[in-house]
């Protein structure tokens, strides 16, 4: 199976096997959000187990 390049760009797999994605809410409507909320969205967020399993199949 070929690697889905679009998913490879959006997700990363850690050394322990977790699938991580970027937090939502970074693109627009940021003026109304607090600085704390904006800083929190810069971090990577773990994907749920069922979704992670599917993404791993499509990336590898």
PDB file of N, CA and C in Angstrom:
ATOM      1  N   UNK A   1       0.844  -1.191   0.000  1.00  0.00           N
ATOM      2  CA  UNK A   1       0.000   0.000   0.000  1.00  0.00           C
ATOM      3  C   UNK A   1       0.883   1.245   0.000  1.00  0.00           C
ATOM      4  N   UNK A   2       0.512   2.209  -0.833  1.00  0.00           N
ATOM      5  CA  UNK A   2       1.293   3.434  -0.912  1.00  0.00           C
ATOM      6  C   UNK A   2       1.005   4.329   0.300  1.00  0.00           C
ATOM      7  N   UNK A   3       1.993   5.106   0.674  1.00  0.00           N
ATOM      8  CA  UNK A   3       1.848   6.043   1.784  1.00  0.00           C
ATOM      9  C   UNK A   3       0.953   7.203   1.363  1.00  0.00           C
ATOM     10  N   UNK A   4       0.029   7.586   2.227  1.00  0.00           N
ATOM     11  CA  UNK A   4      -0.808   8.763   1.965  1.00  0.00           C
ATOM     12  C   UNK A   4      -0.002   9.988   2.358  1.00  0.00           C
ATOM     13  N   UNK A   5       0.512  10.703   1.379  1.00  0.00           N
ATOM     14  CA  UNK A   5       1.414  11.830   1.637  1.00  0.00           C
ATOM     15  C   UNK A   5       0.736  12.947   2.421  1.00  0.00           C
ATOM     16  N   UNK A   6      -0.560  13.162   2.182  1.00  0.00           N
ATOM     17  CA  UNK A   6      -1.255  14.235   2.898  1.00  0.00           C
ATOM     18  C   UNK A   6      -1.309  13.942   4.393  1.00  0.00           C
ATOM     19  N   UNK A   7      -1.479  12.660   4.762  1.00  0.00           N
ATOM     20  CA  UNK A   7      -1.510  12.294   6.175  1.00  0.00           C
ATOM     21  C   UNK A   7      -0.120  12.342   6.781  1.00  0.00           C
ATOM     22  N   UNK A   8       0.884  11.988   6.003  1.00  0.00           N
ATOM     23  CA  UNK A   8       2.263  11.999   6.497  1.00  0.00           C
ATOM     24  C   UNK A   8       2.679  13.415   6.900  1.00  0.00           C
ATOM     25  N   UNK A   9       2.152  14.412   6.177  1.00  0.00           N
ATOM     26  CA  UNK A   9       2.483  15.805   6.482  1.00  0.00           C
ATOM     27  C   UNK A   9       1.740  16.312   7.724  1.00  0.00           C
ATOM     28  N   UNK A  10       0.561  15.760   8.003  1.00  0.00           N
ATOM     29  CA  UNK A  10      -0.273  16.273   9.083  1.00  0.00           C
ATOM     30  C   UNK A  10      -0.075  15.572  10.416  1.00  0.00           C
ATOM     31  N   UNK A  11       0.451  14.374  10.409  1.00  0.00           N
ATOM     32  CA  UNK A  11       0.610  13.599  11.636  1.00  0.00           C
ATOM     33  C   UNK A  11       2.051  13.172  11.808  1.00  0.00           C
ATOM     34  N   UNK A  12       2.450  12.929  13.079  1.00  0.00           N
ATOM     35  CA  UNK A  12       3.759  12.337  13.318  1.00  0.00           C
ATOM     36  C   UNK A  12       3.611  11.224  14.354  1.00  0.00           C
ATOM     37  N   UNK A  13       4.474  10.233  14.227  1.00  0.00           N
ATOM     38  CA  UNK A  13       4.450   9.101  15.138  1.00  0.00           C
ATOM     39  C   UNK A  13       5.661   9.204  16.054  1.00  0.00           C
ATOM     40  N   UNK A  14       5.423   9.145  17.347  1.00  0.00           N
ATOM     41  CA  UNK A  14       6.497   9.259  18.325  1.00  0.00           C
ATOM     42  C   UNK A  14       7.254   7.934  18.432  1.00  0.00           C
ATOM     43  N   UNK A  15       8.330   7.953  19.172  1.00  0.00           N
ATOM     44  CA  UNK A  15       9.116   6.745  19.375  1.00  0.00           C
ATOM     45  C   UNK A  15       8.355   5.652  20.077  1.00  0.00           C
ATOM     46  N   UNK A  16       7.432   6.029  20.959  1.00  0.00           N
ATOM     47  CA  UNK A  16       6.637   5.035  21.682  1.00  0.00           C
ATOM     48  C   UNK A  16       5.421   4.570  20.890  1.00  0.00           C
ATOM     49  N   UNK A  17       5.191   5.161  19.702  1.00  0.00           N
ATOM     50  CA  UNK A  17       4.099   4.713  18.844  1.00  0.00           C
ATOM     51  C   UNK A  17       2.844   5.553  18.890  1.00  0.00           C
ATOM     52  N   UNK A  18       2.845   6.640  19.650  1.00  0.00           N
ATOM     53  CA  UNK A  18       1.673   7.512  19.679  1.00  0.00           C
ATOM     54  C   UNK A  18       1.583   8.285  18.365  1.00  0.00           C
ATOM     55  N   UNK A  19       0.359   8.542  17.931  1.00  0.00           N
ATOM     56  CA  UNK A  19       0.138   9.367  16.747  1.00  0.00           C
ATOM     57  C   UNK A  19      -0.260  10.754  17.235  1.00  0.00           C
ATOM     58  N   UNK A  20       0.475  11.771  16.778  1.00  0.00           N
ATOM     59  CA  UNK A  20       0.251  13.132  17.239  1.00  0.00           C
ATOM     60  C   UNK A  20      -0.229  14.007  16.084  1.00  0.00           C
ATOM     61  N   UNK A  21      -1.097  14.971  16.423  1.00  0.00           N
ATOM     62  CA  UNK A  21      -1.574  15.947  15.449  1.00  0.00           C
ATOM     63  C   UNK A  21      -1.446  17.339  16.049  1.00  0.00           C
ATOM     64  N   UNK A  22      -1.528  18.349  15.199  1.00  0.00           N
ATOM     65  CA  UNK A  22      -1.496  19.716  15.692  1.00  0.00           C
ATOM     66  C   UNK A  22      -2.853  20.065  16.300  1.00  0.00           C
ATOM     67  N   UNK A  23      -2.851  20.940  17.294  1.00  0.00           N
ATOM     68  CA  UNK A  23      -4.099  21.383  17.907  1.00  0.00           C
ATOM     69  C   UNK A  23      -4.864  22.283  16.933  1.00  0.00           C
ATOM     70  N   UNK A  24      -6.180  22.284  17.052  1.00  0.00           N
ATOM     71  CA  UNK A  24      -7.007  23.099  16.164  1.00  0.00           C
ATOM     72  C   UNK A  24      -7.084  24.537  16.658  1.00  0.00           C
ATOM     73  N   UNK A  25      -7.582  25.421  15.807  1.00  0.00           N
ATOM     74  CA  UNK A  25      -7.839  26.805  16.200  1.00  0.00           C
ATOM     75  C   UNK A  25      -6.670  27.738  16.016  1.00  0.00           C
ATOM     76  N   UNK A  26      -5.799  27.475  15.048  1.00  0.00           N
ATOM     77  CA  UNK A  26      -4.624  28.328  14.852  1.00  0.00           C
ATOM     78  C   UNK A  26      -4.751  29.272  13.670  1.00  0.00           C
ATOM     79  N   UNK A  27      -5.727  29.069  12.821  1.00  0.00           N
ATOM     80  CA  UNK A  27      -5.725  29.774  11.535  1.00  0.00           C
ATOM     81  C   UNK A  27      -6.395  31.145  11.547  1.00  0.00           C
ATOM     82  N   UNK A  28      -7.567  31.246  12.138  1.00  0.00           N
ATOM     83  CA  UNK A  28      -8.257  32.538  12.094  1.00  0.00           C
ATOM     84  C   UNK A  28      -9.138  32.671  13.334  1.00  0.00           C
ATOM     85  N   UNK A  29      -9.729  33.847  13.506  1.00  0.00           N
ATOM     86  CA  UNK A  29     -10.549  34.187  14.679  1.00  0.00           C
ATOM     87  C   UNK A  29      -9.734  34.110  15.973  1.00  0.00           C
ATOM     88  N   UNK A  30      -8.476  34.511  15.889  1.00  0.00           N
ATOM     89  CA  UNK A  30      -7.600  34.417  17.055  1.00  0.00           C
ATOM     90  C   UNK A  30      -7.667  35.647  17.943  1.00  0.00           C
ATOM     91  N   UNK A  31      -8.191  36.741  17.447  1.00  0.00           N
ATOM     92  CA  UNK A  31      -8.224  37.985  18.228  1.00  0.00           C
ATOM     93  C   UNK A  31      -9.060  37.826  19.496  1.00  0.00           C
ATOM     94  N   UNK A  32     -10.118  37.031  19.417  1.00  0.00           N
ATOM     95  CA  UNK A  32     -10.989  36.852  20.578  1.00  0.00           C
ATOM     96  C   UNK A  32     -10.457  35.820  21.558  1.00  0.00           C
ATOM     97  N   UNK A  33      -9.437  35.053  21.165  1.00  0.00           N
ATOM     98  CA  UNK A  33      -8.885  34.021  22.042  1.00  0.00           C
ATOM     99  C   UNK A  33      -7.830  34.633  22.968  1.00  0.00           C
ATOM    100  N   UNK A  34      -7.727  34.086  24.161  1.00  0.00           N
ATOM    101  CA  UNK A  34      -6.739  34.584  25.111  1.00  0.00           C
ATOM    102  C   UNK A  34      -5.344  34.123  24.682  1.00  0.00           C
ATOM    103  N   UNK A  35      -4.331  34.804  25.200  1.00  0.00           N
ATOM    104  CA  UNK A  35      -2.959  34.427  24.896  1.00  0.00           C
ATOM    105  C   UNK A  35      -2.655  33.017  25.348  1.00  0.00           C
ATOM    106  N   UNK A  36      -3.208  32.632  26.474  1.00  0.00           N
ATOM    107  CA  UNK A  36      -3.007  31.282  26.996  1.00  0.00           C
ATOM    108  C   UNK A  36      -3.546  30.237  26.017  1.00  0.00           C
ATOM    109  N   UNK A  37      -4.721  30.494  25.495  1.00  0.00           N
ATOM    110  CA  UNK A  37      -5.348  29.552  24.558  1.00  0.00           C
ATOM    111  C   UNK A  37      -4.520  29.450  23.269  1.00  0.00           C
ATOM    112  N   UNK A  38      -4.020  30.573  22.784  1.00  0.00           N
ATOM    113  CA  UNK A  38      -3.211  30.583  21.562  1.00  0.00           C
ATOM    114  C   UNK A  38      -1.912  29.809  21.782  1.00  0.00           C
ATOM    115  N   UNK A  39      -1.290  29.983  22.942  1.00  0.00           N
ATOM    116  CA  UNK A  39      -0.049  29.245  23.241  1.00  0.00           C
ATOM    117  C   UNK A  39      -0.317  27.748  23.333  1.00  0.00           C
ATOM    118  N   UNK A  40      -1.447  27.379  23.901  1.00  0.00           N
ATOM    119  CA  UNK A  40      -1.771  25.950  24.034  1.00  0.00           C
ATOM    120  C   UNK A  40      -1.976  25.282  22.674  1.00  0.00           C
ATOM    121  N   UNK A  41      -2.440  26.034  21.682  1.00  0.00           N
ATOM    122  CA  UNK A  41      -2.706  25.434  20.376  1.00  0.00           C
ATOM    123  C   UNK A  41      -1.437  25.184  19.573  1.00  0.00           C
ATOM    124  N   UNK A  42      -0.294  25.668  20.039  1.00  0.00           N
ATOM    125  CA  UNK A  42       0.956  25.401  19.332  1.00  0.00           C
ATOM    126  C   UNK A  42       1.465  23.985  19.567  1.00  0.00           C
ATOM    127  N   UNK A  43       0.953  23.344  20.573  1.00  0.00           N
ATOM    128  CA  UNK A  43       1.454  22.026  20.964  1.00  0.00           C
ATOM    129  C   UNK A  43       0.855  20.920  20.103  1.00  0.00           C
ATOM    130  N   UNK A  44       1.500  19.736  20.177  1.00  0.00           N
ATOM    131  CA  UNK A  44       0.996  18.543  19.510  1.00  0.00           C
ATOM    132  C   UNK A  44       0.034  17.830  20.450  1.00  0.00           C
ATOM    133  N   UNK A  45      -1.015  17.241  19.893  1.00  0.00           N
ATOM    134  CA  UNK A  45      -2.062  16.569  20.661  1.00  0.00           C
ATOM    135  C   UNK A  45      -2.123  15.111  20.222  1.00  0.00           C
ATOM    136  N   UNK A  46      -2.305  14.215  21.179  1.00  0.00           N
ATOM    137  CA  UNK A  46      -2.395  12.791  20.851  1.00  0.00           C
ATOM    138  C   UNK A  46      -3.763  12.473  20.238  1.00  0.00           C
ATOM    139  N   UNK A  47      -3.737  11.607  19.226  1.00  0.00           N
ATOM    140  CA  UNK A  47      -4.962  11.176  18.549  1.00  0.00           C
ATOM    141  C   UNK A  47      -5.549   9.994  19.315  1.00  0.00           C
ATOM    142  N   UNK A  48      -6.875   9.825  19.276  1.00  0.00           N
ATOM    143  CA  UNK A  48      -7.514   8.704  19.960  1.00  0.00           C
ATOM    144  C   UNK A  48      -7.047   7.377  19.363  1.00  0.00           C
ATOM    145  N   UNK A  49      -7.127   6.325  20.158  1.00  0.00           N
ATOM    146  CA  UNK A  49      -6.590   5.011  19.767  1.00  0.00           C
ATOM    147  C   UNK A  49      -7.184   4.459  18.469  1.00  0.00           C
ATOM    148  N   UNK A  50      -8.529   4.462  18.293  1.00  0.00           N
ATOM    149  CA  UNK A  50      -9.080   3.902  17.050  1.00  0.00           C
ATOM    150  C   UNK A  50      -8.638   4.674  15.807  1.00  0.00           C
ATOM    151  N   UNK A  51      -8.591   6.009  15.920  1.00  0.00           N
ATOM    152  CA  UNK A  51      -8.168   6.831  14.793  1.00  0.00           C
ATOM    153  C   UNK A  51      -6.673   6.628  14.527  1.00  0.00           C
ATOM    154  N   UNK A  52      -5.892   6.512  15.596  1.00  0.00           N
ATOM    155  CA  UNK A  52      -4.449   6.318  15.464  1.00  0.00           C
ATOM    156  C   UNK A  52      -4.144   5.032  14.715  1.00  0.00           C
ATOM    157  N   UNK A  53      -4.898   3.993  14.995  1.00  0.00           N
ATOM    158  CA  UNK A  53      -4.700   2.703  14.329  1.00  0.00           C
ATOM    159  C   UNK A  53      -4.906   2.846  12.821  1.00  0.00           C
ATOM    160  N   UNK A  54      -5.957   3.551  12.426  1.00  0.00           N
ATOM    161  CA  UNK A  54      -6.258   3.766  11.012  1.00  0.00           C
ATOM    162  C   UNK A  54      -5.177   4.615  10.343  1.00  0.00           C
ATOM    163  N   UNK A  55      -4.718   5.656  11.019  1.00  0.00           N
ATOM    164  CA  UNK A  55      -3.700   6.550  10.449  1.00  0.00           C
ATOM    165  C   UNK A  55      -2.389   5.796  10.253  1.00  0.00           C
ATOM    166  N   UNK A  56      -2.017   4.962  11.216  1.00  0.00           N
ATOM    167  CA  UNK A  56      -0.788   4.172  11.095  1.00  0.00           C
ATOM    168  C   UNK A  56      -0.832   3.276   9.864  1.00  0.00           C
ATOM    169  N   UNK A  57      -1.996   2.696   9.587  1.00  0.00           N
ATOM    170  CA  UNK A  57      -2.128   1.842   8.406  1.00  0.00           C
ATOM    171  C   UNK A  57      -1.921   2.652   7.133  1.00  0.00           C
ATOM    172  N   UNK A  58      -2.444   3.858   7.091  1.00  0.00           N
ATOM    173  CA  UNK A  58      -2.379   4.676   5.893  1.00  0.00           C
ATOM    174  C   UNK A  58      -1.012   5.323   5.691  1.00  0.00           C
ATOM    175  N   UNK A  59      -0.279   5.556   6.783  1.00  0.00           N
ATOM    176  CA  UNK A  59       1.040   6.193   6.669  1.00  0.00           C
ATOM    177  C   UNK A  59       2.102   5.176   6.287  1.00  0.00           C
ATOM    178  N   UNK A  60       2.012   3.956   6.830  1.00  0.00           N
ATOM    179  CA  UNK A  60       3.063   2.986   6.575  1.00  0.00           C
ATOM    180  C   UNK A  60       2.827   2.154   5.340  1.00  0.00           C
TER     181      UNK A  60
END
